[in-house]
Amino acid sequence: MDMPAVNQLLSSVDGDLHQLNPEEFLVAEDVDGAVIGCGRLRPYPAFCEIASLAVGESARTRGLGRAIVAGLLDRYPDTVHLMCEDRLVDFFKSFGFRPVPQEDMPQGLRPKWQYYADKAGPMNIMVRSEA
C-alpha cells in the first residue's frame, strides 16, 4: 500500500494522521494505481472507529466515499463510532449511524474529539451498533 500517498491525501483534507497502520485501511486507486480515496477502521478495546476517510477532489461525487464506508463496515459488524462535521451527519445516517450526546462519547475518543473541536469547531459523535 502506498502510505505516502494516503498520508498526502489525508493531509489535503486535514484528516486523522495519528498512528497510521496500513492494515487498518481500505484504499481506492484509479486505473493508474494512484490513491484517490481511503478510509480506516481504527480498533479500540470495545469498538472500532471509522477514521481517516478522504476522497480526492477529482474523484468526488461518484459514490467512492460511500463504497469505502460500506467496505469498512463489512469488515467489522459490531459497534462502530466516528466523528464528523455537521455537513456529514446525514451521509452517515444513511449507513445506520446515529448521533451520540457528547457525555456518552467513549472515553477513548475524547482526546481526538477535543483536538478536532479546538481546531475545526464542534464535532458530532455517531455510533452504529449491529449487535
C-alpha atoms as a PDB file:
ATOM      1  CA  MET A   1       0.000   0.000   0.000  1.00  0.00           C
ATOM      2  CA  ASP A   2       1.247   3.470  -0.892  1.00  0.00           C
ATOM      3  CA  MET A   3       1.189   5.036   2.597  1.00  0.00           C
ATOM      4  CA  PRO A   4       2.930   8.253   1.481  1.00  0.00           C
ATOM      5  CA  ALA A   5       0.055   8.795  -0.993  1.00  0.00           C
ATOM      6  CA  VAL A   6      -2.512   8.015   1.737  1.00  0.00           C
ATOM      7  CA  ASN A   7      -0.752  10.483   4.032  1.00  0.00           C
ATOM      8  CA  GLN A   8      -0.786  13.139   1.309  1.00  0.00           C
ATOM      9  CA  LEU A   9      -4.498  12.609   0.618  1.00  0.00           C
ATOM     10  CA  LEU A  10      -5.357  12.800   4.325  1.00  0.00           C
ATOM     11  CA  SER A  11      -3.230  15.910   4.759  1.00  0.00           C
ATOM     12  CA  SER A  12      -5.128  17.604   1.919  1.00  0.00           C
ATOM     13  CA  VAL A  13      -8.388  17.293   3.903  1.00  0.00           C
ATOM     14  CA  ASP A  14      -6.920  17.801   7.420  1.00  0.00           C
ATOM     15  CA  GLY A  15      -7.683  14.145   8.139  1.00  0.00           C
ATOM     16  CA  ASP A  16      -6.600  11.990  11.053  1.00  0.00           C
ATOM     17  CA  LEU A  17      -2.902  11.162  10.639  1.00  0.00           C
ATOM     18  CA  HIS A  18      -2.386   9.702  14.115  1.00  0.00           C
ATOM     19  CA  GLN A  19      -0.661   6.290  14.237  1.00  0.00           C
ATOM     20  CA  LEU A  20      -1.431   5.267  10.663  1.00  0.00           C
ATOM     21  CA  ASN A  21      -1.362   1.499  10.260  1.00  0.00           C
ATOM     22  CA  PRO A  22      -1.636   0.206   6.672  1.00  0.00           C
ATOM     23  CA  GLU A  23      -3.558  -2.883   7.838  1.00  0.00           C
ATOM     24  CA  GLU A  24      -6.432  -0.692   9.070  1.00  0.00           C
ATOM     25  CA  PHE A  25      -7.028   0.968   5.675  1.00  0.00           C
ATOM     26  CA  LEU A  26      -9.271   0.381   2.715  1.00  0.00           C
ATOM     27  CA  VAL A  27      -7.839   2.248  -0.277  1.00  0.00           C
ATOM     28  CA  ALA A  28      -9.308   3.106  -3.674  1.00  0.00           C
ATOM     29  CA  GLU A  29      -6.995   3.597  -6.643  1.00  0.00           C
ATOM     30  CA  ASP A  30      -7.561   4.925 -10.136  1.00  0.00           C
ATOM     31  CA  VAL A  31      -6.703   2.899 -13.247  1.00  0.00           C
ATOM     32  CA  ASP A  32      -3.079   4.025 -12.982  1.00  0.00           C
ATOM     33  CA  GLY A  33      -2.770   2.881  -9.362  1.00  0.00           C
ATOM     34  CA  ALA A  34      -2.865   6.357  -7.795  1.00  0.00           C
ATOM     35  CA  VAL A  35      -4.631   6.572  -4.427  1.00  0.00           C
ATOM     36  CA  ILE A  36      -7.885   8.529  -4.865  1.00  0.00           C
ATOM     37  CA  GLY A  37      -9.707   7.540  -1.688  1.00  0.00           C
ATOM     38  CA  CYS A  38      -9.153   5.920   1.664  1.00  0.00           C
ATOM     39  CA  GLY A  39     -10.789   5.043   4.938  1.00  0.00           C
ATOM     40  CA  ARG A  40      -9.609   3.454   8.123  1.00  0.00           C
ATOM     41  CA  LEU A  41     -11.169   1.156  10.686  1.00  0.00           C
ATOM     42  CA  ARG A  42      -9.237   2.006  13.844  1.00  0.00           C
ATOM     43  CA  PRO A  43      -9.567  -0.554  16.668  1.00  0.00           C
ATOM     44  CA  TYR A  44     -10.198   0.326  20.312  1.00  0.00           C
ATOM     45  CA  PRO A  45     -10.774  -2.206  23.118  1.00  0.00           C
ATOM     46  CA  ALA A  46     -14.607  -2.145  22.934  1.00  0.00           C
ATOM     47  CA  PHE A  47     -15.320  -0.750  19.459  1.00  0.00           C
ATOM     48  CA  CYS A  48     -13.833   0.398  16.173  1.00  0.00           C
ATOM     49  CA  GLU A  49     -13.785   3.891  14.731  1.00  0.00           C
ATOM     50  CA  ILE A  50     -14.164   4.912  11.118  1.00  0.00           C
ATOM     51  CA  ALA A  51     -11.430   7.491  10.687  1.00  0.00           C
ATOM     52  CA  SER A  52      -9.113   8.966   8.090  1.00  0.00           C
ATOM     53  CA  LEU A  53     -11.843   8.996   5.442  1.00  0.00           C
ATOM     54  CA  ALA A  54     -10.913  11.015   2.372  1.00  0.00           C
ATOM     55  CA  VAL A  55     -11.701  11.136  -1.329  1.00  0.00           C
ATOM     56  CA  GLY A  56      -9.550  13.129  -3.713  1.00  0.00           C
ATOM     57  CA  GLU A  57     -11.218  16.185  -5.184  1.00  0.00           C
ATOM     58  CA  SER A  58     -11.187  14.805  -8.736  1.00  0.00           C
ATOM     59  CA  ALA A  59     -12.981  11.607  -7.614  1.00  0.00           C
ATOM     60  CA  ARG A  60     -15.755  13.148  -5.501  1.00  0.00           C
ATOM     61  CA  THR A  61     -19.493  12.777  -6.158  1.00  0.00           C
ATOM     62  CA  ARG A  62     -19.078   9.347  -7.771  1.00  0.00           C
ATOM     63  CA  GLY A  63     -20.009   7.194  -4.767  1.00  0.00           C
ATOM     64  CA  LEU A  64     -16.443   6.383  -3.804  1.00  0.00           C
ATOM     65  CA  GLY A  65     -16.814   7.590  -0.203  1.00  0.00           C
ATOM     66  CA  ARG A  66     -19.994   5.549   0.136  1.00  0.00           C
ATOM     67  CA  ALA A  67     -18.219   2.445  -1.199  1.00  0.00           C
ATOM     68  CA  ILE A  68     -15.305   2.912   1.202  1.00  0.00           C
ATOM     69  CA  VAL A  69     -17.590   3.293   4.234  1.00  0.00           C
ATOM     70  CA  ALA A  70     -19.611   0.227   3.184  1.00  0.00           C
ATOM     71  CA  GLY A  71     -16.412  -1.769   2.761  1.00  0.00           C
ATOM     72  CA  LEU A  72     -15.158  -0.759   6.197  1.00  0.00           C
ATOM     73  CA  LEU A  73     -18.470  -1.678   7.819  1.00  0.00           C
ATOM     74  CA  ASP A  74     -18.334  -5.091   6.129  1.00  0.00           C
ATOM     75  CA  ARG A  75     -15.036  -5.711   7.943  1.00  0.00           C
ATOM     76  CA  TYR A  76     -16.453  -5.096  11.429  1.00  0.00           C
ATOM     77  CA  PRO A  77     -20.089  -5.925  12.219  1.00  0.00           C
ATOM     78  CA  ASP A  78     -20.059  -4.751  15.854  1.00  0.00           C
ATOM     79  CA  THR A  79     -20.152  -1.252  17.377  1.00  0.00           C
ATOM     80  CA  VAL A  80     -18.523   1.425  15.223  1.00  0.00           C
ATOM     81  CA  HIS A  81     -18.088   5.072  16.197  1.00  0.00           C
ATOM     82  CA  LEU A  82     -16.993   8.069  14.182  1.00  0.00           C
ATOM     83  CA  MET A  83     -16.754  11.800  14.481  1.00  0.00           C
ATOM     84  CA  CYS A  84     -17.761  14.190  11.750  1.00  0.00           C
ATOM     85  CA  GLU A  85     -18.734  17.722  10.887  1.00  0.00           C
ATOM     86  CA  ASP A  86     -22.405  18.729  10.651  1.00  0.00           C
ATOM     87  CA  ARG A  87     -22.399  18.528   6.850  1.00  0.00           C
ATOM     88  CA  LEU A  88     -21.696  14.760   7.005  1.00  0.00           C
ATOM     89  CA  VAL A  89     -24.287  13.695   9.583  1.00  0.00           C
ATOM     90  CA  ASP A  90     -26.954  12.779   7.004  1.00  0.00           C
ATOM     91  CA  PHE A  91     -24.399  10.855   4.930  1.00  0.00           C
ATOM     92  CA  PHE A  92     -23.527   8.658   7.915  1.00  0.00           C
ATOM     93  CA  LYS A  93     -27.169   8.317   8.986  1.00  0.00           C
ATOM     94  CA  SER A  94     -27.739   6.568   5.649  1.00  0.00           C
ATOM     95  CA  PHE A  95     -25.477   3.765   6.974  1.00  0.00           C
ATOM     96  CA  GLY A  96     -27.415   3.438  10.226  1.00  0.00           C
ATOM     97  CA  PHE A  97     -25.265   5.731  12.358  1.00  0.00           C
ATOM     98  CA  ARG A  98     -26.995   7.890  14.943  1.00  0.00           C
ATOM     99  CA  PRO A  99     -25.716  10.901  16.878  1.00  0.00           C
ATOM    100  CA  VAL A 100     -24.461  10.344  20.417  1.00  0.00           C
ATOM    101  CA  PRO A 101     -24.559  13.062  23.094  1.00  0.00           C
ATOM    102  CA  GLN A 102     -21.089  14.329  23.963  1.00  0.00           C
ATOM    103  CA  GLU A 103     -21.382  12.965  27.501  1.00  0.00           C
ATOM    104  CA  ASP A 104     -21.944   9.434  26.104  1.00  0.00           C
ATOM    105  CA  MET A 105     -18.840   9.502  23.915  1.00  0.00           C
ATOM    106  CA  PRO A 106     -16.453   6.586  24.518  1.00  0.00           C
ATOM    107  CA  GLN A 107     -13.543   7.693  26.664  1.00  0.00           C
ATOM    108  CA  GLY A 108     -11.050   6.570  24.011  1.00  0.00           C
ATOM    109  CA  LEU A 109     -12.379   9.166  21.542  1.00  0.00           C
ATOM    110  CA  ARG A 110     -12.294  12.165  23.914  1.00  0.00           C
ATOM    111  CA  PRO A 111      -8.703  13.323  23.212  1.00  0.00           C
ATOM    112  CA  LYS A 112      -9.252  13.152  19.447  1.00  0.00           C
ATOM    113  CA  TRP A 113     -12.648  14.846  19.709  1.00  0.00           C
ATOM    114  CA  GLN A 114     -11.139  17.672  21.778  1.00  0.00           C
ATOM    115  CA  TYR A 115      -8.279  18.127  19.314  1.00  0.00           C
ATOM    116  CA  TYR A 116     -10.609  18.445  16.307  1.00  0.00           C
ATOM    117  CA  ALA A 117     -13.190  20.506  18.219  1.00  0.00           C
ATOM    118  CA  ASP A 118     -10.445  23.004  19.105  1.00  0.00           C
ATOM    119  CA  LYS A 119      -9.168  23.025  15.524  1.00  0.00           C
ATOM    120  CA  ALA A 120     -12.372  22.925  13.445  1.00  0.00           C
ATOM    121  CA  GLY A 121     -15.219  23.626  15.861  1.00  0.00           C
ATOM    122  CA  PRO A 122     -17.858  21.315  17.296  1.00  0.00           C
ATOM    123  CA  MET A 123     -17.742  17.756  16.033  1.00  0.00           C
ATOM    124  CA  ASN A 124     -20.515  15.159  16.046  1.00  0.00           C
ATOM    125  CA  ILE A 125     -20.002  11.740  17.597  1.00  0.00           C
ATOM    126  CA  MET A 126     -22.013   8.998  15.912  1.00  0.00           C
ATOM    127  CA  VAL A 127     -22.436   5.279  16.560  1.00  0.00           C
ATOM    128  CA  ARG A 128     -23.682   2.251  14.640  1.00  0.00           C
ATOM    129  CA  SER A 129     -24.437  -0.917  16.563  1.00  0.00           C
ATOM    130  CA  GLU A 130     -25.314  -4.148  14.817  1.00  0.00           C
ATOM    131  CA  ALA A 131     -25.291  -6.257  17.968  1.00  0.00           C
END
